[in-house]
Each structure stands twice: as structure tokens, then as C-alpha cells.
Amino acid sequence: MSQTDAVPGRPLAIECAGEILWLLPEHALWWPARRILWVADLHLGKAATYRALGQPVPAGTTRENLARLSALLNHYQPAQLVFLGDFLHAVQARTPSLLAELAAWREGHRSLPSLLVRGNHDSRAGDPPLSLGIETVDEPCAIGPFAACHHPRIDAVRYVIAGHLHPVLTLRGQGRDRLRLACFSFDDHCAVLPAFGEFTGGWQVERQPGRTLYAVGGSAVWRVPAAR
């Protein structure tokens, strides 16, 4: 079975800003009422950027990331795809092979309206090629009761959905066991999505009052109990 034919994992439905959102174990967010798929921090071409600096990192991450994204698009059939910043990692990522892979991916989803909310890496890497037909805007971008952003922030009117931080948490067990997992972080005014790109680091987020964490592991998402 190819990644584009893979069966998506089991989502977790939550209520936020008066809407039902699905947290997907594929590190994405699904808003069923509007059929919008949100993803953050693809960082396409990050591995190529490191290879350009002489670092021996593996190739193929762009192809794998786009295949995982295509699997979600094929399954959910969204009316809109929203990228919450850091689509390309750097100027060095704009290699002929990466741009060709991007063009091939977009050709398979040509009719899908797509929006990129610029992040800090986008300001250096530049907007995606115009031929991809991806609309680019600065943050915040109002979408219903939500403000689509790259950087977590407080919006006076709307609930913010953002990326940038690549949140992860550490679960601790007996015998000094530790398990580090990507997570969704929801505060009173802002949600932060895990990074969609596989070749990314993570920011350790701690449990605290007013914050709800949802761990991602395997094919499931679950709410992490509040700190005692």
C-alpha cells in the first residue's frame, strides 16, 4: 500500500470557538463544517538545505511529506487547504528536483483552493512559485471564528490557530521511562498545531492551568491529563 492509499488514523473531535474540530494523528486539523484542512510547518526542502551545507542528512523527505499530505487530501476531500506558515524551509530548498516534485503534487490537486499564511521561514525562502496557484497572505487571516496565523498570538476578535513552535511533550513512566511525542496545544485564545514536516525539531510544552494538550502517538490522538 502506498502512502497516498494509506488509511488515516483515528481523529479526536473537540469543541473550539463554538465549532467542532478534528485533531488528526497525521499532525493536521480538520474542520468538518467548512471542510477545511489545516497543516503547519511543512519545511519542505529542509533536508536539501542541510545537504547544501555539507550535512549528510537523508534525501526523500519532501516526497514523503507530500505523499502523506496527498493521503489526507484524498481521504477528506477538503474544500480548502490552509498552510500555517513555513511552507519552504529556505532559499536553498528551491532546487530543481524539489520544485518538480511540488509541481507534480500540485497537478494532482489542481482544483483545490490553497492558502499559505506566511511564516518566518517563508520570508526568507520566498513565496511558492506562482504556477502552484497557492494564495499567500500575511497573518492574521480571518476564516470564520478563527484567525489563521503562523506565530501563536492573541487576537482581540477571533480564536487563533497557529504553528511555528512544533510542540512536543514528554510522558514519564516508572523506572525513569520517558516518551517524547508531538502534540496539539490549546490555550484559552490560541491553538498550536504540531509540525507536519517530518524533518523538524520540537518545542517542549508543559502542562499548566488553562492549557490542554493532546498527544499524538501511532494512529491516535488523546487528551493528556492535567498536571497534578
C-alpha atoms as a PDB file:
ATOM      1  CA  MET A   1       0.000   0.000   0.000  1.00  0.00           C
ATOM      2  CA  SER A   2       1.413   3.397  -0.972  1.00  0.00           C
ATOM      3  CA  GLN A   3       1.298   6.388   1.358  1.00  0.00           C
ATOM      4  CA  THR A   4      -1.321   8.029  -0.852  1.00  0.00           C
ATOM      5  CA  ASP A   5      -3.557   4.970  -0.318  1.00  0.00           C
ATOM      6  CA  ALA A   6      -2.886   4.713   3.429  1.00  0.00           C
ATOM      7  CA  VAL A   7      -5.865   4.605   5.754  1.00  0.00           C
ATOM      8  CA  PRO A   8      -5.839   7.701   8.016  1.00  0.00           C
ATOM      9  CA  GLY A   9      -5.693   7.219  11.770  1.00  0.00           C
ATOM     10  CA  ARG A  10      -8.464   7.803  14.274  1.00  0.00           C
ATOM     11  CA  PRO A  11      -9.160  11.530  14.831  1.00  0.00           C
ATOM     12  CA  LEU A  12     -10.233  13.119  18.093  1.00  0.00           C
ATOM     13  CA  ALA A  13     -13.175  15.534  17.920  1.00  0.00           C
ATOM     14  CA  ILE A  14     -13.114  18.556  20.229  1.00  0.00           C
ATOM     15  CA  GLU A  15     -15.096  21.786  20.545  1.00  0.00           C
ATOM     16  CA  CYS A  16     -13.322  25.084  19.972  1.00  0.00           C
ATOM     17  CA  ALA A  17     -14.749  28.589  19.411  1.00  0.00           C
ATOM     18  CA  GLY A  18     -18.198  27.067  19.056  1.00  0.00           C
ATOM     19  CA  GLU A  19     -17.058  24.704  16.285  1.00  0.00           C
ATOM     20  CA  ILE A  20     -16.208  21.007  16.161  1.00  0.00           C
ATOM     21  CA  LEU A  21     -12.624  20.354  15.112  1.00  0.00           C
ATOM     22  CA  TRP A  22     -10.937  17.035  14.475  1.00  0.00           C
ATOM     23  CA  LEU A  23      -7.364  16.561  15.653  1.00  0.00           C
ATOM     24  CA  LEU A  24      -5.729  14.175  13.216  1.00  0.00           C
ATOM     25  CA  PRO A  25      -2.881  11.820  14.158  1.00  0.00           C
ATOM     26  CA  GLU A  26      -1.281  12.807  10.859  1.00  0.00           C
ATOM     27  CA  HIS A  27      -0.390  16.169  12.530  1.00  0.00           C
ATOM     28  CA  ALA A  28      -3.196  18.112  10.865  1.00  0.00           C
ATOM     29  CA  LEU A  29      -6.512  19.722  11.801  1.00  0.00           C
ATOM     30  CA  TRP A  30      -9.850  19.073  10.090  1.00  0.00           C
ATOM     31  CA  TRP A  31     -12.816  21.443  10.324  1.00  0.00           C
ATOM     32  CA  PRO A  32     -15.696  19.324   9.032  1.00  0.00           C
ATOM     33  CA  ALA A  33     -18.339  22.087   8.934  1.00  0.00           C
ATOM     34  CA  ARG A  34     -16.303  24.076   6.390  1.00  0.00           C
ATOM     35  CA  ARG A  35     -14.298  21.115   5.044  1.00  0.00           C
ATOM     36  CA  ILE A  36     -11.008  22.899   5.683  1.00  0.00           C
ATOM     37  CA  LEU A  37      -7.762  21.027   6.292  1.00  0.00           C
ATOM     38  CA  TRP A  38      -5.105  22.932   8.263  1.00  0.00           C
ATOM     39  CA  VAL A  39      -1.417  21.960   8.334  1.00  0.00           C
ATOM     40  CA  ALA A  40       1.555  23.785   9.826  1.00  0.00           C
ATOM     41  CA  ASP A  41       5.282  23.819   9.228  1.00  0.00           C
ATOM     42  CA  LEU A  42       5.988  21.557   6.272  1.00  0.00           C
ATOM     43  CA  HIS A  43       9.526  22.968   5.957  1.00  0.00           C
ATOM     44  CA  LEU A  44       9.827  21.437   2.510  1.00  0.00           C
ATOM     45  CA  GLY A  45      13.427  21.208   1.395  1.00  0.00           C
ATOM     46  CA  LYS A  46      14.896  21.344   4.877  1.00  0.00           C
ATOM     47  CA  ALA A  47      16.961  18.243   4.258  1.00  0.00           C
ATOM     48  CA  ALA A  48      18.208  19.680   0.957  1.00  0.00           C
ATOM     49  CA  THR A  49      19.168  22.868   2.783  1.00  0.00           C
ATOM     50  CA  TYR A  50      21.282  20.914   5.247  1.00  0.00           C
ATOM     51  CA  ARG A  51      22.864  18.876   2.469  1.00  0.00           C
ATOM     52  CA  ALA A  52      23.812  22.141   0.753  1.00  0.00           C
ATOM     53  CA  LEU A  53      25.703  22.995   3.948  1.00  0.00           C
ATOM     54  CA  GLY A  54      27.587  19.700   3.808  1.00  0.00           C
ATOM     55  CA  GLN A  55      25.499  17.817   6.365  1.00  0.00           C
ATOM     56  CA  PRO A  56      24.917  14.132   5.430  1.00  0.00           C
ATOM     57  CA  VAL A  57      21.159  14.016   6.009  1.00  0.00           C
ATOM     58  CA  PRO A  58      18.847  11.610   4.144  1.00  0.00           C
ATOM     59  CA  ALA A  59      17.071  12.528   0.923  1.00  0.00           C
ATOM     60  CA  GLY A  60      13.428  11.915   0.043  1.00  0.00           C
ATOM     61  CA  THR A  61      11.735  13.813   2.876  1.00  0.00           C
ATOM     62  CA  THR A  62       9.908  16.198   0.519  1.00  0.00           C
ATOM     63  CA  ARG A  63       8.434  13.294  -1.427  1.00  0.00           C
ATOM     64  CA  GLU A  64       7.356  11.583   1.790  1.00  0.00           C
ATOM     65  CA  ASN A  65       5.774  14.742   3.230  1.00  0.00           C
ATOM     66  CA  LEU A  66       3.823  15.421   0.049  1.00  0.00           C
ATOM     67  CA  ALA A  67       2.684  11.796  -0.131  1.00  0.00           C
ATOM     68  CA  ARG A  68       1.348  11.991   3.433  1.00  0.00           C
ATOM     69  CA  LEU A  69      -0.438  15.225   2.589  1.00  0.00           C
ATOM     70  CA  SER A  70      -1.947  13.699  -0.556  1.00  0.00           C
ATOM     71  CA  ALA A  71      -3.250  10.780   1.503  1.00  0.00           C
ATOM     72  CA  LEU A  72      -5.156  13.216   3.725  1.00  0.00           C
ATOM     73  CA  LEU A  73      -6.479  15.186   0.766  1.00  0.00           C
ATOM     74  CA  ASN A  74      -7.680  12.039  -0.955  1.00  0.00           C
ATOM     75  CA  HIS A  75      -9.416  10.827   2.192  1.00  0.00           C
ATOM     76  CA  TYR A  76     -11.079  14.036   3.425  1.00  0.00           C
ATOM     77  CA  GLN A  77     -11.643  15.757   0.070  1.00  0.00           C
ATOM     78  CA  PRO A  78     -11.383  19.276   1.582  1.00  0.00           C
ATOM     79  CA  ALA A  79     -12.913  22.396   0.102  1.00  0.00           C
ATOM     80  CA  GLN A  80      -9.793  24.347   1.141  1.00  0.00           C
ATOM     81  CA  LEU A  81      -6.247  23.619   2.305  1.00  0.00           C
ATOM     82  CA  VAL A  82      -4.639  26.094   4.701  1.00  0.00           C
ATOM     83  CA  PHE A  83      -0.883  26.106   5.337  1.00  0.00           C
ATOM     84  CA  LEU A  84       0.002  27.836   8.606  1.00  0.00           C
ATOM     85  CA  GLY A  85       3.415  29.061   7.562  1.00  0.00           C
ATOM     86  CA  ASP A  86       6.902  27.727   6.817  1.00  0.00           C
ATOM     87  CA  PHE A  87       5.955  26.009   3.573  1.00  0.00           C
ATOM     88  CA  LEU A  88       9.510  26.084   2.208  1.00  0.00           C
ATOM     89  CA  HIS A  89      12.439  25.965   4.595  1.00  0.00           C
ATOM     90  CA  ALA A  90      14.967  28.251   2.904  1.00  0.00           C
ATOM     91  CA  VAL A  91      16.165  29.664  -0.406  1.00  0.00           C
ATOM     92  CA  GLN A  92      18.463  26.643  -0.745  1.00  0.00           C
ATOM     93  CA  ALA A  93      15.360  24.447  -0.751  1.00  0.00           C
ATOM     94  CA  ARG A  94      14.296  25.748  -4.154  1.00  0.00           C
ATOM     95  CA  THR A  95      16.175  23.056  -6.038  1.00  0.00           C
ATOM     96  CA  PRO A  96      15.030  21.855  -9.483  1.00  0.00           C
ATOM     97  CA  SER A  97      14.116  18.430  -8.061  1.00  0.00           C
ATOM     98  CA  LEU A  98      12.038  19.883  -5.210  1.00  0.00           C
ATOM     99  CA  LEU A  99      10.221  22.299  -7.495  1.00  0.00           C
ATOM    100  CA  ALA A 100       9.484  19.428  -9.881  1.00  0.00           C
ATOM    101  CA  GLU A 101       8.065  17.328  -7.034  1.00  0.00           C
ATOM    102  CA  LEU A 102       5.946  20.258  -5.894  1.00  0.00           C
ATOM    103  CA  ALA A 103       4.625  20.799  -9.404  1.00  0.00           C
ATOM    104  CA  ALA A 104       3.722  17.118  -9.736  1.00  0.00           C
ATOM    105  CA  TRP A 105       1.970  17.149  -6.367  1.00  0.00           C
ATOM    106  CA  ARG A 106       0.002  20.261  -7.214  1.00  0.00           C
ATOM    107  CA  GLU A 107      -1.042  18.827 -10.569  1.00  0.00           C
ATOM    108  CA  GLY A 108      -2.771  16.030  -8.676  1.00  0.00           C
ATOM    109  CA  HIS A 109      -4.753  18.572  -6.621  1.00  0.00           C
ATOM    110  CA  ARG A 110      -5.017  21.427  -9.105  1.00  0.00           C
ATOM    111  CA  SER A 111      -8.648  22.291  -8.319  1.00  0.00           C
ATOM    112  CA  LEU A 112      -8.128  22.533  -4.549  1.00  0.00           C
ATOM    113  CA  PRO A 113      -8.118  26.147  -3.270  1.00  0.00           C
ATOM    114  CA  SER A 114      -4.972  26.501  -1.155  1.00  0.00           C
ATOM    115  CA  LEU A 115      -3.835  29.292   1.139  1.00  0.00           C
ATOM    116  CA  LEU A 116      -0.459  29.944   2.748  1.00  0.00           C
ATOM    117  CA  VAL A 117      -0.217  32.239   5.763  1.00  0.00           C
ATOM    118  CA  ARG A 118       3.388  33.396   5.593  1.00  0.00           C
ATOM    119  CA  GLY A 119       5.736  32.358   8.393  1.00  0.00           C
ATOM    120  CA  ASN A 120       9.254  33.409   9.325  1.00  0.00           C
ATOM    121  CA  HIS A 121      10.873  30.874   7.000  1.00  0.00           C
ATOM    122  CA  ASP A 122       8.642  31.967   4.118  1.00  0.00           C
ATOM    123  CA  SER A 123      10.012  35.496   4.434  1.00  0.00           C
ATOM    124  CA  ARG A 124      13.476  34.106   3.646  1.00  0.00           C
ATOM    125  CA  ALA A 125      12.587  31.303   1.248  1.00  0.00           C
ATOM    126  CA  GLY A 126      10.085  33.366  -0.720  1.00  0.00           C
ATOM    127  CA  ASP A 127       6.526  32.557  -1.723  1.00  0.00           C
ATOM    128  CA  PRO A 128       5.774  29.305  -3.540  1.00  0.00           C
ATOM    129  CA  PRO A 129       6.030  29.521  -7.333  1.00  0.00           C
ATOM    130  CA  LEU A 130       3.012  31.277  -8.830  1.00  0.00           C
ATOM    131  CA  SER A 131       2.453  28.250 -11.060  1.00  0.00           C
ATOM    132  CA  LEU A 132       1.331  26.283  -7.990  1.00  0.00           C
ATOM    133  CA  GLY A 133      -1.707  28.514  -7.577  1.00  0.00           C
ATOM    134  CA  ILE A 134      -1.289  28.848  -3.799  1.00  0.00           C
ATOM    135  CA  GLU A 135      -2.636  32.137  -2.456  1.00  0.00           C
ATOM    136  CA  THR A 136      -0.246  33.760   0.030  1.00  0.00           C
ATOM    137  CA  VAL A 137      -1.242  36.213   2.761  1.00  0.00           C
ATOM    138  CA  ASP A 138       0.232  37.741   5.900  1.00  0.00           C
ATOM    139  CA  GLU A 139      -1.040  36.848   9.344  1.00  0.00           C
ATOM    140  CA  PRO A 140      -3.626  37.057  10.768  1.00  0.00           C
ATOM    141  CA  CYS A 141      -6.078  35.762   8.177  1.00  0.00           C
ATOM    142  CA  ALA A 142      -9.714  35.609   9.288  1.00  0.00           C
ATOM    143  CA  ILE A 143     -11.524  32.365   8.497  1.00  0.00           C
ATOM    144  CA  GLY A 144     -14.878  32.229  10.257  1.00  0.00           C
ATOM    145  CA  PRO A 145     -14.379  32.443  14.041  1.00  0.00           C
ATOM    146  CA  PHE A 146     -10.670  31.641  13.629  1.00  0.00           C
ATOM    147  CA  ALA A 147      -7.573  33.683  12.867  1.00  0.00           C
ATOM    148  CA  ALA A 148      -5.121  31.663  10.796  1.00  0.00           C
ATOM    149  CA  CYS A 149      -1.587  32.590  11.886  1.00  0.00           C
ATOM    150  CA  HIS A 150       1.917  31.207  11.849  1.00  0.00           C
ATOM    151  CA  HIS A 151       3.076  32.685  15.151  1.00  0.00           C
ATOM    152  CA  PRO A 152       0.988  31.997  18.269  1.00  0.00           C
ATOM    153  CA  ARG A 153      -0.634  35.209  19.439  1.00  0.00           C
ATOM    154  CA  ILE A 154      -3.801  36.674  20.942  1.00  0.00           C
ATOM    155  CA  ASP A 155      -6.408  38.103  18.603  1.00  0.00           C
ATOM    156  CA  ALA A 156      -8.973  40.517  20.036  1.00  0.00           C
ATOM    157  CA  VAL A 157     -11.822  39.032  18.000  1.00  0.00           C
ATOM    158  CA  ARG A 158     -11.010  35.513  16.830  1.00  0.00           C
ATOM    159  CA  TYR A 159      -9.527  32.308  18.204  1.00  0.00           C
ATOM    160  CA  VAL A 160      -6.030  31.831  16.787  1.00  0.00           C
ATOM    161  CA  ILE A 161      -4.884  28.647  15.071  1.00  0.00           C
ATOM    162  CA  ALA A 162      -1.114  28.703  14.603  1.00  0.00           C
ATOM    163  CA  GLY A 163       2.055  26.688  14.128  1.00  0.00           C
ATOM    164  CA  HIS A 164       5.727  27.757  14.424  1.00  0.00           C
ATOM    165  CA  LEU A 165       6.550  26.089  17.747  1.00  0.00           C
ATOM    166  CA  HIS A 166       6.414  22.402  16.693  1.00  0.00           C
ATOM    167  CA  PRO A 167       5.005  21.446  20.136  1.00  0.00           C
ATOM    168  CA  VAL A 168       6.028  18.185  21.778  1.00  0.00           C
ATOM    169  CA  LEU A 169       5.515  16.776  25.251  1.00  0.00           C
ATOM    170  CA  THR A 170       7.284  14.214  27.395  1.00  0.00           C
ATOM    171  CA  LEU A 171       5.334  11.493  29.178  1.00  0.00           C
ATOM    172  CA  ARG A 172       7.098   9.962  32.152  1.00  0.00           C
ATOM    173  CA  GLY A 173       6.552   6.461  33.468  1.00  0.00           C
ATOM    174  CA  GLN A 174       8.047   4.230  36.115  1.00  0.00           C
ATOM    175  CA  GLY A 175      11.734   3.440  36.148  1.00  0.00           C
ATOM    176  CA  ARG A 176      12.626   6.788  34.601  1.00  0.00           C
ATOM    177  CA  ASP A 177      10.884   5.844  31.365  1.00  0.00           C
ATOM    178  CA  ARG A 178      10.268   8.775  29.040  1.00  0.00           C
ATOM    179  CA  LEU A 179       8.284   9.070  25.842  1.00  0.00           C
ATOM    180  CA  ARG A 180       8.518  12.192  23.657  1.00  0.00           C
ATOM    181  CA  LEU A 181       5.516  12.810  21.427  1.00  0.00           C
ATOM    182  CA  ALA A 182       4.245  15.534  19.131  1.00  0.00           C
ATOM    183  CA  CYS A 183       1.126  17.235  20.433  1.00  0.00           C
ATOM    184  CA  PHE A 184      -1.613  19.786  19.850  1.00  0.00           C
ATOM    185  CA  SER A 185      -1.642  22.612  22.405  1.00  0.00           C
ATOM    186  CA  PHE A 186      -4.859  24.539  23.140  1.00  0.00           C
ATOM    187  CA  ASP A 187      -4.855  27.618  25.378  1.00  0.00           C
ATOM    188  CA  ASP A 188      -7.738  29.966  26.083  1.00  0.00           C
ATOM    189  CA  HIS A 189      -7.071  32.101  22.994  1.00  0.00           C
ATOM    190  CA  CYS A 190      -4.758  30.073  20.764  1.00  0.00           C
ATOM    191  CA  ALA A 191      -4.163  26.564  19.435  1.00  0.00           C
ATOM    192  CA  VAL A 192      -0.755  25.417  18.190  1.00  0.00           C
ATOM    193  CA  LEU A 193      -0.545  22.531  15.735  1.00  0.00           C
ATOM    194  CA  PRO A 194       2.308  20.030  15.605  1.00  0.00           C
ATOM    195  CA  ALA A 195       4.677  20.329  12.686  1.00  0.00           C
ATOM    196  CA  PHE A 196       3.526  18.386   9.636  1.00  0.00           C
ATOM    197  CA  GLY A 197       7.012  18.066   8.195  1.00  0.00           C
ATOM    198  CA  GLU A 198       8.901  15.011   9.364  1.00  0.00           C
ATOM    199  CA  PHE A 199      12.353  16.596   9.348  1.00  0.00           C
ATOM    200  CA  THR A 200      11.674  19.115  12.121  1.00  0.00           C
ATOM    201  CA  GLY A 201      12.582  19.593  15.751  1.00  0.00           C
ATOM    202  CA  GLY A 202      10.209  20.268  18.615  1.00  0.00           C
ATOM    203  CA  TRP A 203       9.491  22.724  21.410  1.00  0.00           C
ATOM    204  CA  GLN A 204       8.818  21.152  24.789  1.00  0.00           C
ATOM    205  CA  VAL A 205       5.426  22.362  26.015  1.00  0.00           C
ATOM    206  CA  GLU A 206       4.483  21.938  29.657  1.00  0.00           C
ATOM    207  CA  ARG A 207       1.102  21.262  31.215  1.00  0.00           C
ATOM    208  CA  GLN A 208      -0.261  24.292  33.030  1.00  0.00           C
ATOM    209  CA  PRO A 209      -3.626  25.786  34.045  1.00  0.00           C
ATOM    210  CA  GLY A 210      -5.660  26.971  31.069  1.00  0.00           C
ATOM    211  CA  ARG A 211      -3.775  24.748  28.612  1.00  0.00           C
ATOM    212  CA  THR A 212      -4.982  21.429  27.213  1.00  0.00           C
ATOM    213  CA  LEU A 213      -2.560  19.102  25.468  1.00  0.00           C
ATOM    214  CA  TYR A 214      -3.445  16.336  23.055  1.00  0.00           C
ATOM    215  CA  ALA A 215      -0.706  13.797  22.426  1.00  0.00           C
ATOM    216  CA  VAL A 216      -0.171  12.171  19.047  1.00  0.00           C
ATOM    217  CA  GLY A 217       1.041   8.589  19.014  1.00  0.00           C
ATOM    218  CA  GLY A 218       0.756   5.930  16.331  1.00  0.00           C
ATOM    219  CA  SER A 219      -2.668   6.286  14.716  1.00  0.00           C
ATOM    220  CA  ALA A 220      -4.444   8.046  17.588  1.00  0.00           C
ATOM    221  CA  VAL A 221      -4.767  11.355  19.414  1.00  0.00           C
ATOM    222  CA  TRP A 222      -5.710  11.577  23.084  1.00  0.00           C
ATOM    223  CA  ARG A 223      -6.152  14.215  25.735  1.00  0.00           C
ATOM    224  CA  VAL A 224      -3.316  14.355  28.237  1.00  0.00           C
ATOM    225  CA  PRO A 225      -4.493  14.531  31.889  1.00  0.00           C
ATOM    226  CA  ALA A 226      -3.924  17.840  33.595  1.00  0.00           C
ATOM    227  CA  ALA A 227      -0.863  18.152  35.803  1.00  0.00           C
ATOM    228  CA  ARG A 228      -1.447  17.203  39.419  1.00  0.00           C
END
